[in-house]
Amino acid sequence: MKNLEPSYKTSNFDTKISSKLNSNSGGLFTVGYAAKGVLYAILGILCISSAFGPGGSELSLQESLRWLKEKPFGTILLAVVGLGVVAYALYRVGCAVFDLEDVGNDGKGIGKRLGFTASALTYFAR
């Protein structure tokens, strides 16, 4: 059974912020993970189409995105995926700053939170 006592003292303000973020972060989390899944599916389709496309020629990332943009609803799909990736990155920032995944403040928890920060920075860089 998990110890429900906090490992550090928090102020009433910290507790209110944390509980509010925990209750409101579900949508951001869901949108972010869904966008991540769609992004990987699109990348898989692009890889397969590149491998079995006309002449078997490889496409660069820019050519792949241009190809997708020219398809019906391609621009909308790219915009939705872009917003979803930003939502996922924001969720990771929330995990790092507000401990939304309840990893704690011990050495292991700090390491995980630094990983969340690195993950967010990676997604923002895309």
Protein backbone atom coordinates (compact mmCIF):
# COMPACT_ATOMS: atom_id res chain seq x y z
CA MET A 1 0.00 0.00 0.00
CA LYS A 2 1.35 3.39 -0.99
CA ASN A 3 2.16 5.87 1.75
CA LEU A 4 -0.24 8.77 1.34
CA GLU A 5 1.67 11.10 3.62
CA PRO A 6 3.68 13.76 1.75
CA SER A 7 7.44 13.34 1.99
CA TYR A 8 7.84 17.10 2.40
CA LYS A 9 5.78 19.90 3.88
CA THR A 10 3.64 21.87 1.45
CA SER A 11 1.78 25.09 1.87
CA ASN A 12 -1.97 25.30 1.44
CA PHE A 13 -1.38 27.21 -1.82
CA ASP A 14 0.83 24.39 -3.19
CA THR A 15 -1.80 21.81 -2.31
CA LYS A 16 -4.56 23.76 -4.08
CA ILE A 17 -2.46 24.27 -7.22
CA SER A 18 -1.43 20.62 -7.31
CA SER A 19 -4.97 19.28 -6.87
CA LYS A 20 -6.32 21.68 -9.51
CA LEU A 21 -3.65 20.66 -12.03
CA ASN A 22 -4.20 16.97 -11.31
CA SER A 23 -7.93 17.28 -11.93
CA ASN A 24 -7.57 19.41 -15.08
CA SER A 25 -4.58 17.76 -16.76
CA GLY A 26 -6.45 14.69 -18.02
CA GLY A 27 -7.61 16.35 -21.25
CA LEU A 28 -4.16 17.68 -22.03
CA PHE A 29 -2.70 14.26 -21.31
CA THR A 30 -5.24 12.49 -23.54
CA VAL A 31 -4.86 14.91 -26.45
CA GLY A 32 -1.09 14.76 -26.20
CA TYR A 33 -0.89 10.97 -26.19
CA ALA A 34 -3.44 10.70 -29.01
CA ALA A 35 -1.41 13.15 -31.12
CA LYS A 36 1.75 11.20 -30.35
CA GLY A 37 0.06 8.02 -31.60
CA VAL A 38 -1.22 9.72 -34.76
CA LEU A 39 2.23 11.20 -35.38
CA TYR A 40 3.88 7.77 -35.17
CA ALA A 41 1.19 6.28 -37.42
CA ILE A 42 1.79 9.00 -40.01
CA LEU A 43 5.54 8.43 -39.83
CA GLY A 44 4.96 4.70 -40.34
CA ILE A 45 2.77 5.34 -43.38
CA LEU A 46 5.36 7.71 -44.81
CA CYS A 47 8.13 5.16 -44.29
CA ILE A 48 6.13 2.41 -45.99
CA SER A 49 5.09 4.65 -48.88
CA SER A 50 8.69 5.76 -49.30
CA ALA A 51 9.95 2.19 -49.38
CA PHE A 52 7.29 0.92 -51.78
CA GLY A 53 6.61 4.15 -53.65
CA PRO A 54 7.35 4.84 -57.29
CA GLY A 55 10.94 3.83 -57.95
CA GLY A 56 11.48 3.09 -54.26
CA SER A 57 12.99 6.53 -53.81
CA GLU A 58 13.54 7.84 -50.30
CA LEU A 59 11.76 10.98 -49.22
CA SER A 60 13.25 13.62 -46.96
CA LEU A 61 11.24 14.87 -44.00
CA GLN A 62 10.32 18.05 -45.90
CA GLU A 63 9.23 16.04 -48.94
CA SER A 64 7.18 13.72 -46.75
CA LEU A 65 5.41 16.63 -45.06
CA ARG A 66 4.80 18.28 -48.43
CA TRP A 67 3.34 14.98 -49.72
CA LEU A 68 1.05 14.75 -46.70
CA LYS A 69 0.01 18.40 -47.00
CA GLU A 70 -1.10 17.83 -50.60
CA LYS A 71 -3.46 15.02 -49.58
CA PRO A 72 -7.12 15.69 -48.74
CA PHE A 73 -7.31 17.10 -45.21
CA GLY A 74 -3.51 16.90 -44.99
CA THR A 75 -3.10 20.48 -43.78
CA ILE A 76 -5.76 19.99 -41.12
CA LEU A 77 -4.16 16.72 -40.01
CA LEU A 78 -0.73 18.36 -39.76
CA ALA A 79 -2.18 21.24 -37.72
CA VAL A 80 -4.02 18.89 -35.34
CA VAL A 81 -0.92 16.76 -34.85
CA GLY A 82 1.19 19.89 -34.29
CA LEU A 83 -1.22 21.15 -31.62
CA GLY A 84 -1.32 17.71 -30.04
CA VAL A 85 2.47 17.54 -29.83
CA VAL A 86 2.47 20.95 -28.13
CA ALA A 87 -0.23 19.68 -25.72
CA TYR A 88 1.90 16.63 -24.90
CA ALA A 89 4.97 18.82 -24.34
CA LEU A 90 2.96 21.08 -22.01
CA TYR A 91 1.76 18.04 -20.11
CA ARG A 92 5.40 16.94 -19.69
CA VAL A 93 6.27 20.42 -18.37
CA GLY A 94 3.42 20.04 -15.89
CA CYS A 95 4.78 16.63 -14.86
CA ALA A 96 8.20 18.15 -14.25
CA VAL A 97 7.08 21.29 -12.43
CA PHE A 98 3.97 20.14 -10.54
CA ASP A 99 4.72 16.39 -10.19
CA LEU A 100 1.52 15.38 -12.00
CA GLU A 101 2.67 11.75 -12.17
CA ASP A 102 3.42 11.70 -8.44
CA VAL A 103 7.04 10.58 -8.73
CA GLY A 104 8.08 12.49 -5.62
CA ASN A 105 10.98 14.69 -4.63
CA ASP A 106 13.58 12.10 -3.64
CA GLY A 107 16.60 11.45 -5.85
CA LYS A 108 14.75 9.00 -8.10
CA GLY A 109 11.77 11.35 -8.45
CA ILE A 110 13.98 14.32 -9.29
CA GLY A 111 15.70 12.20 -11.94
CA LYS A 112 12.33 11.31 -13.49
CA ARG A 113 11.22 14.94 -13.40
CA LEU A 114 14.43 15.97 -15.17
CA GLY A 115 13.58 13.32 -17.76
CA PHE A 116 10.12 14.87 -18.16
CA THR A 117 11.82 18.23 -18.74
CA ALA A 118 14.10 16.74 -21.38
CA SER A 119 11.12 15.09 -23.04
CA ALA A 120 9.20 18.39 -23.13
CA LEU A 121 12.18 20.23 -24.60
CA THR A 122 12.54 17.55 -27.27
CA TYR A 123 8.89 17.84 -28.29
CA PHE A 124 9.03 21.64 -28.32
CA ALA A 125 12.08 21.45 -30.60
CA ARG A 126 10.14 19.48 -33.21
